[in-house]
Amino acid sequence: MSDQPKPAQSHSLLRAFVMVAWSFFGIRKGAEHRQDLAMVTPLQVVIVGVISGLLFVLILALVVTIVSS
C-alpha cells in the first residue's frame, strides 16, 4: 500500500479540466504533464474530454447561428 494521501476528487476533476483545456491548444510543459498524470485517472480524462468536446461543438454552432442570422 502507498503512504501517499489520495487527492480530493474535486481537485483532481478540476485538474482534468485544466489538462484537457491545455490539450485543445496543444501547449503543455513536461513537468506539469507528469504531475497531472499522477493526480488524474484515465476515466476522468475521458469524461472531461467528451464533455469539453460537446461544449466546444455547441458553442461553435451557436456562434455560426448568430453570425449567419
PDB file of N, CA and C in Angstrom:
ATOM      1  N   MET A   1       0.830  -1.179   0.000  1.00  0.00           N
ATOM      2  CA  MET A   1       0.000   0.000   0.000  1.00  0.00           C
ATOM      3  C   MET A   1       0.875   1.243   0.000  1.00  0.00           C
ATOM      4  N   SER A   2       0.322   2.307  -0.497  1.00  0.00           N
ATOM      5  CA  SER A   2       1.045   3.561  -0.600  1.00  0.00           C
ATOM      6  C   SER A   2       0.784   4.431   0.634  1.00  0.00           C
ATOM      7  N   ASP A   3       1.819   5.145   1.079  1.00  0.00           N
ATOM      8  CA  ASP A   3       1.663   6.043   2.216  1.00  0.00           C
ATOM      9  C   ASP A   3       1.221   7.437   1.794  1.00  0.00           C
ATOM     10  N   GLN A   4       1.135   7.674   0.481  1.00  0.00           N
ATOM     11  CA  GLN A   4       0.749   8.995  -0.001  1.00  0.00           C
ATOM     12  C   GLN A   4      -0.752   9.167   0.110  1.00  0.00           C
ATOM     13  N   PRO A   5      -1.205  10.349   0.561  1.00  0.00           N
ATOM     14  CA  PRO A   5      -2.657  10.578   0.631  1.00  0.00           C
ATOM     15  C   PRO A   5      -3.226  10.741  -0.772  1.00  0.00           C
ATOM     16  N   LYS A   6      -4.462  10.287  -0.948  1.00  0.00           N
ATOM     17  CA  LYS A   6      -5.126  10.427  -2.237  1.00  0.00           C
ATOM     18  C   LYS A   6      -5.616  11.865  -2.389  1.00  0.00           C
ATOM     19  N   PRO A   7      -5.524  12.429  -3.604  1.00  0.00           N
ATOM     20  CA  PRO A   7      -6.015  13.783  -3.806  1.00  0.00           C
ATOM     21  C   PRO A   7      -7.533  13.816  -3.739  1.00  0.00           C
ATOM     22  N   ALA A   8      -8.069  14.956  -3.390  1.00  0.00           N
ATOM     23  CA  ALA A   8      -9.519  15.115  -3.307  1.00  0.00           C
ATOM     24  C   ALA A   8     -10.123  14.939  -4.697  1.00  0.00           C
ATOM     25  N   GLN A   9     -11.312  14.351  -4.778  1.00  0.00           N
ATOM     26  CA  GLN A   9     -11.952  14.067  -6.055  1.00  0.00           C
ATOM     27  C   GLN A   9     -12.208  15.355  -6.834  1.00  0.00           C
ATOM     28  N   SER A  10     -12.698  16.407  -6.185  1.00  0.00           N
ATOM     29  CA  SER A  10     -12.989  17.645  -6.892  1.00  0.00           C
ATOM     30  C   SER A  10     -11.708  18.306  -7.389  1.00  0.00           C
ATOM     31  N   HIS A  11     -10.637  18.183  -6.621  1.00  0.00           N
ATOM     32  CA  HIS A  11      -9.368  18.765  -7.045  1.00  0.00           C
ATOM     33  C   HIS A  11      -8.844  18.063  -8.284  1.00  0.00           C
ATOM     34  N   SER A  12      -8.920  16.749  -8.328  1.00  0.00           N
ATOM     35  CA  SER A  12      -8.421  16.015  -9.475  1.00  0.00           C
ATOM     36  C   SER A  12      -9.337  16.210 -10.693  1.00  0.00           C
ATOM     37  N   LEU A  13     -10.631  16.413 -10.463  1.00  0.00           N
ATOM     38  CA  LEU A  13     -11.539  16.679 -11.568  1.00  0.00           C
ATOM     39  C   LEU A  13     -11.242  18.045 -12.176  1.00  0.00           C
ATOM     40  N   LEU A  14     -10.973  19.028 -11.337  1.00  0.00           N
ATOM     41  CA  LEU A  14     -10.570  20.341 -11.835  1.00  0.00           C
ATOM     42  C   LEU A  14      -9.265  20.230 -12.609  1.00  0.00           C
ATOM     43  N   ARG A  15      -8.359  19.429 -12.100  1.00  0.00           N
ATOM     44  CA  ARG A  15      -7.070  19.211 -12.764  1.00  0.00           C
ATOM     45  C   ARG A  15      -7.293  18.568 -14.131  1.00  0.00           C
ATOM     46  N   ALA A  16      -8.285  17.672 -14.236  1.00  0.00           N
ATOM     47  CA  ALA A  16      -8.602  17.033 -15.516  1.00  0.00           C
ATOM     48  C   ALA A  16      -9.136  18.057 -16.505  1.00  0.00           C
ATOM     49  N   PHE A  17      -9.973  18.994 -16.043  1.00  0.00           N
ATOM     50  CA  PHE A  17     -10.473  20.048 -16.922  1.00  0.00           C
ATOM     51  C   PHE A  17      -9.328  20.918 -17.439  1.00  0.00           C
ATOM     52  N   VAL A  18      -8.393  21.259 -16.567  1.00  0.00           N
ATOM     53  CA  VAL A  18      -7.238  22.062 -16.972  1.00  0.00           C
ATOM     54  C   VAL A  18      -6.388  21.285 -17.974  1.00  0.00           C
ATOM     55  N   MET A  19      -6.184  20.014 -17.717  1.00  0.00           N
ATOM     56  CA  MET A  19      -5.391  19.171 -18.588  1.00  0.00           C
ATOM     57  C   MET A  19      -6.005  19.084 -19.986  1.00  0.00           C
ATOM     58  N   VAL A  20      -7.316  18.893 -20.061  1.00  0.00           N
ATOM     59  CA  VAL A  20      -7.999  18.803 -21.351  1.00  0.00           C
ATOM     60  C   VAL A  20      -8.000  20.159 -22.053  1.00  0.00           C
ATOM     61  N   ALA A  21      -8.183  21.234 -21.303  1.00  0.00           N
ATOM     62  CA  ALA A  21      -8.167  22.568 -21.910  1.00  0.00           C
ATOM     63  C   ALA A  21      -6.821  22.860 -22.558  1.00  0.00           C
ATOM     64  N   TRP A  22      -5.735  22.541 -21.871  1.00  0.00           N
ATOM     65  CA  TRP A  22      -4.411  22.751 -22.455  1.00  0.00           C
ATOM     66  C   TRP A  22      -4.206  21.851 -23.663  1.00  0.00           C
ATOM     67  N   SER A  23      -4.779  20.662 -23.656  1.00  0.00           N
ATOM     68  CA  SER A  23      -4.602  19.760 -24.798  1.00  0.00           C
ATOM     69  C   SER A  23      -5.320  20.288 -26.038  1.00  0.00           C
ATOM     70  N   PHE A  24      -6.398  21.056 -25.862  1.00  0.00           N
ATOM     71  CA  PHE A  24      -7.059  21.671 -27.008  1.00  0.00           C
ATOM     72  C   PHE A  24      -6.123  22.649 -27.714  1.00  0.00           C
ATOM     73  N   PHE A  25      -5.265  23.325 -26.957  1.00  0.00           N
ATOM     74  CA  PHE A  25      -4.318  24.274 -27.535  1.00  0.00           C
ATOM     75  C   PHE A  25      -3.017  23.604 -27.967  1.00  0.00           C
ATOM     76  N   GLY A  26      -2.744  22.430 -27.459  1.00  0.00           N
ATOM     77  CA  GLY A  26      -1.525  21.715 -27.816  1.00  0.00           C
ATOM     78  C   GLY A  26      -0.290  22.236 -27.109  1.00  0.00           C
ATOM     79  N   ILE A  27      -0.497  22.934 -25.996  1.00  0.00           N
ATOM     80  CA  ILE A  27       0.619  23.514 -25.252  1.00  0.00           C
ATOM     81  C   ILE A  27       0.677  22.842 -23.887  1.00  0.00           C
ATOM     82  N   ARG A  28       1.838  22.287 -23.563  1.00  0.00           N
ATOM     83  CA  ARG A  28       1.959  21.617 -22.263  1.00  0.00           C
ATOM     84  C   ARG A  28       3.426  21.459 -21.905  1.00  0.00           C
ATOM     85  N   LYS A  29       3.764  21.765 -20.667  1.00  0.00           N
ATOM     86  CA  LYS A  29       5.119  21.545 -20.179  1.00  0.00           C
ATOM     87  C   LYS A  29       5.239  20.117 -19.679  1.00  0.00           C
ATOM     88  N   GLY A  30       6.402  19.520 -19.853  1.00  0.00           N
ATOM     89  CA  GLY A  30       6.604  18.127 -19.480  1.00  0.00           C
ATOM     90  C   GLY A  30       6.405  17.868 -17.998  1.00  0.00           C
ATOM     91  N   ALA A  31       6.929  18.759 -17.150  1.00  0.00           N
ATOM     92  CA  ALA A  31       6.815  18.561 -15.706  1.00  0.00           C
ATOM     93  C   ALA A  31       5.357  18.648 -15.249  1.00  0.00           C
ATOM     94  N   GLU A  32       4.616  19.592 -15.789  1.00  0.00           N
ATOM     95  CA  GLU A  32       3.203  19.730 -15.425  1.00  0.00           C
ATOM     96  C   GLU A  32       2.403  18.531 -15.930  1.00  0.00           C
ATOM     97  N   HIS A  33       2.773  18.026 -17.091  1.00  0.00           N
ATOM     98  CA  HIS A  33       2.077  16.862 -17.646  1.00  0.00           C
ATOM     99  C   HIS A  33       2.270  15.643 -16.745  1.00  0.00           C
ATOM    100  N   ARG A  34       3.462  15.413 -16.286  1.00  0.00           N
ATOM    101  CA  ARG A  34       3.725  14.279 -15.393  1.00  0.00           C
ATOM    102  C   ARG A  34       2.986  14.441 -14.061  1.00  0.00           C
ATOM    103  N   GLN A  35       2.921  15.670 -13.561  1.00  0.00           N
ATOM    104  CA  GLN A  35       2.211  15.926 -12.303  1.00  0.00           C
ATOM    105  C   GLN A  35       0.711  15.669 -12.484  1.00  0.00           C
ATOM    106  N   ASP A  36       0.162  16.082 -13.615  1.00  0.00           N
ATOM    107  CA  ASP A  36      -1.254  15.843 -13.885  1.00  0.00           C
ATOM    108  C   ASP A  36      -1.562  14.359 -13.996  1.00  0.00           C
ATOM    109  N   LEU A  37      -0.693  13.626 -14.655  1.00  0.00           N
ATOM    110  CA  LEU A  37      -0.925  12.186 -14.812  1.00  0.00           C
ATOM    111  C   LEU A  37      -0.945  11.463 -13.475  1.00  0.00           C
ATOM    112  N   ALA A  38      -0.220  11.991 -12.499  1.00  0.00           N
ATOM    113  CA  ALA A  38      -0.200  11.371 -11.180  1.00  0.00           C
ATOM    114  C   ALA A  38      -1.482  11.659 -10.399  1.00  0.00           C
ATOM    115  N   MET A  39      -2.202  12.724 -10.752  1.00  0.00           N
ATOM    116  CA  MET A  39      -3.369  13.139  -9.970  1.00  0.00           C
ATOM    117  C   MET A  39      -4.709  12.793 -10.619  1.00  0.00           C
ATOM    118  N   VAL A  40      -4.701  12.483 -11.915  1.00  0.00           N
ATOM    119  CA  VAL A  40      -5.945  12.313 -12.656  1.00  0.00           C
ATOM    120  C   VAL A  40      -6.023  10.883 -13.191  1.00  0.00           C
ATOM    121  N   THR A  41      -7.214  10.291 -13.106  1.00  0.00           N
ATOM    122  CA  THR A  41      -7.401   8.945 -13.642  1.00  0.00           C
ATOM    123  C   THR A  41      -7.788   9.020 -15.127  1.00  0.00           C
ATOM    124  N   PRO A  42      -7.518   7.988 -15.884  1.00  0.00           N
ATOM    125  CA  PRO A  42      -7.902   7.988 -17.300  1.00  0.00           C
ATOM    126  C   PRO A  42      -9.410   8.153 -17.511  1.00  0.00           C
ATOM    127  N   LEU A  43     -10.212   7.590 -16.626  1.00  0.00           N
ATOM    128  CA  LEU A  43     -11.663   7.736 -16.753  1.00  0.00           C
ATOM    129  C   LEU A  43     -12.075   9.207 -16.634  1.00  0.00           C
ATOM    130  N   GLN A  44     -11.460   9.936 -15.710  1.00  0.00           N
ATOM    131  CA  GLN A  44     -11.764  11.358 -15.565  1.00  0.00           C
ATOM    132  C   GLN A  44     -11.396  12.124 -16.827  1.00  0.00           C
ATOM    133  N   VAL A  45     -10.266  11.790 -17.433  1.00  0.00           N
ATOM    134  CA  VAL A  45      -9.838  12.477 -18.646  1.00  0.00           C
ATOM    135  C   VAL A  45     -10.816  12.206 -19.786  1.00  0.00           C
ATOM    136  N   VAL A  46     -11.270  10.973 -19.917  1.00  0.00           N
ATOM    137  CA  VAL A  46     -12.224  10.636 -20.980  1.00  0.00           C
ATOM    138  C   VAL A  46     -13.534  11.380 -20.778  1.00  0.00           C
ATOM    139  N   ILE A  47     -14.065  11.356 -19.565  1.00  0.00           N
ATOM    140  CA  ILE A  47     -15.334  12.036 -19.285  1.00  0.00           C
ATOM    141  C   ILE A  47     -15.222  13.538 -19.526  1.00  0.00           C
ATOM    142  N   VAL A  48     -14.163  14.141 -19.005  1.00  0.00           N
ATOM    143  CA  VAL A  48     -13.976  15.587 -19.181  1.00  0.00           C
ATOM    144  C   VAL A  48     -13.730  15.914 -20.651  1.00  0.00           C
ATOM    145  N   GLY A  49     -13.027  15.062 -21.365  1.00  0.00           N
ATOM    146  CA  GLY A  49     -12.785  15.287 -22.789  1.00  0.00           C
ATOM    147  C   GLY A  49     -14.065  15.261 -23.603  1.00  0.00           C
ATOM    148  N   VAL A  50     -14.941  14.307 -23.313  1.00  0.00           N
ATOM    149  CA  VAL A  50     -16.217  14.226 -24.029  1.00  0.00           C
ATOM    150  C   VAL A  50     -17.083  15.439 -23.716  1.00  0.00           C
ATOM    151  N   ILE A  51     -17.165  15.814 -22.451  1.00  0.00           N
ATOM    152  CA  ILE A  51     -17.962  16.986 -22.062  1.00  0.00           C
ATOM    153  C   ILE A  51     -17.401  18.250 -22.703  1.00  0.00           C
ATOM    154  N   SER A  52     -16.099  18.415 -22.666  1.00  0.00           N
ATOM    155  CA  SER A  52     -15.466  19.602 -23.247  1.00  0.00           C
ATOM    156  C   SER A  52     -15.651  19.647 -24.760  1.00  0.00           C
ATOM    157  N   GLY A  53     -15.534  18.502 -25.403  1.00  0.00           N
ATOM    158  CA  GLY A  53     -15.746  18.443 -26.845  1.00  0.00           C
ATOM    159  C   GLY A  53     -17.164  18.820 -27.231  1.00  0.00           C
ATOM    160  N   LEU A  54     -18.138  18.317 -26.491  1.00  0.00           N
ATOM    161  CA  LEU A  54     -19.538  18.661 -26.757  1.00  0.00           C
ATOM    162  C   LEU A  54     -19.796  20.150 -26.545  1.00  0.00           C
ATOM    163  N   LEU A  55     -19.240  20.696 -25.465  1.00  0.00           N
ATOM    164  CA  LEU A  55     -19.400  22.137 -25.225  1.00  0.00           C
ATOM    165  C   LEU A  55     -18.770  22.962 -26.343  1.00  0.00           C
ATOM    166  N   PHE A  56     -17.611  22.528 -26.816  1.00  0.00           N
ATOM    167  CA  PHE A  56     -16.930  23.235 -27.897  1.00  0.00           C
ATOM    168  C   PHE A  56     -17.778  23.232 -29.167  1.00  0.00           C
ATOM    169  N   VAL A  57     -18.340  22.083 -29.524  1.00  0.00           N
ATOM    170  CA  VAL A  57     -19.182  21.983 -30.719  1.00  0.00           C
ATOM    171  C   VAL A  57     -20.443  22.822 -30.557  1.00  0.00           C
ATOM    172  N   LEU A  58     -21.071  22.785 -29.386  1.00  0.00           N
ATOM    173  CA  LEU A  58     -22.280  23.575 -29.161  1.00  0.00           C
ATOM    174  C   LEU A  58     -22.000  25.072 -29.240  1.00  0.00           C
ATOM    175  N   ILE A  59     -20.883  25.499 -28.702  1.00  0.00           N
ATOM    176  CA  ILE A  59     -20.515  26.922 -28.764  1.00  0.00           C
ATOM    177  C   ILE A  59     -20.247  27.334 -30.205  1.00  0.00           C
ATOM    178  N   LEU A  60     -19.551  26.492 -30.972  1.00  0.00           N
ATOM    179  CA  LEU A  60     -19.316  26.799 -32.386  1.00  0.00           C
ATOM    180  C   LEU A  60     -20.626  26.887 -33.152  1.00  0.00           C
ATOM    181  N   ALA A  61     -21.547  25.970 -32.893  1.00  0.00           N
ATOM    182  CA  ALA A  61     -22.846  26.004 -33.572  1.00  0.00           C
ATOM    183  C   ALA A  61     -23.613  27.268 -33.204  1.00  0.00           C
ATOM    184  N   LEU A  62     -23.544  27.685 -31.954  1.00  0.00           N
ATOM    185  CA  LEU A  62     -24.207  28.908 -31.528  1.00  0.00           C
ATOM    186  C   LEU A  62     -23.607  30.133 -32.221  1.00  0.00           C
ATOM    187  N   VAL A  63     -22.295  30.180 -32.303  1.00  0.00           N
ATOM    188  CA  VAL A  63     -21.627  31.320 -32.964  1.00  0.00           C
ATOM    189  C   VAL A  63     -21.989  31.359 -34.439  1.00  0.00           C
ATOM    190  N   VAL A  64     -21.994  30.223 -35.110  1.00  0.00           N
ATOM    191  CA  VAL A  64     -22.357  30.186 -36.520  1.00  0.00           C
ATOM    192  C   VAL A  64     -23.804  30.619 -36.731  1.00  0.00           C
ATOM    193  N   THR A  65     -24.692  30.191 -35.841  1.00  0.00           N
ATOM    194  CA  THR A  65     -26.107  30.578 -35.942  1.00  0.00           C
ATOM    195  C   THR A  65     -26.268  32.084 -35.762  1.00  0.00           C
ATOM    196  N   ILE A  66     -25.556  32.660 -34.807  1.00  0.00           N
ATOM    197  CA  ILE A  66     -25.653  34.094 -34.558  1.00  0.00           C
ATOM    198  C   ILE A  66     -25.084  34.890 -35.725  1.00  0.00           C
ATOM    199  N   VAL A  67     -23.933  34.460 -36.237  1.00  0.00           N
ATOM    200  CA  VAL A  67     -23.283  35.194 -37.337  1.00  0.00           C
ATOM    201  C   VAL A  67     -24.083  35.080 -38.622  1.00  0.00           C
ATOM    202  N   SER A  68     -24.671  33.930 -38.895  1.00  0.00           N
ATOM    203  CA  SER A  68     -25.387  33.735 -40.153  1.00  0.00           C
ATOM    204  C   SER A  68     -26.792  34.323 -40.141  1.00  0.00           C
ATOM    205  N   SER A  69     -27.295  34.739 -39.004  1.00  0.00           N
ATOM    206  CA  SER A  69     -28.648  35.307 -38.975  1.00  0.00           C
ATOM    207  C   SER A  69     -28.661  36.797 -39.117  1.00  0.00           C
TER     208      SER A  69
END
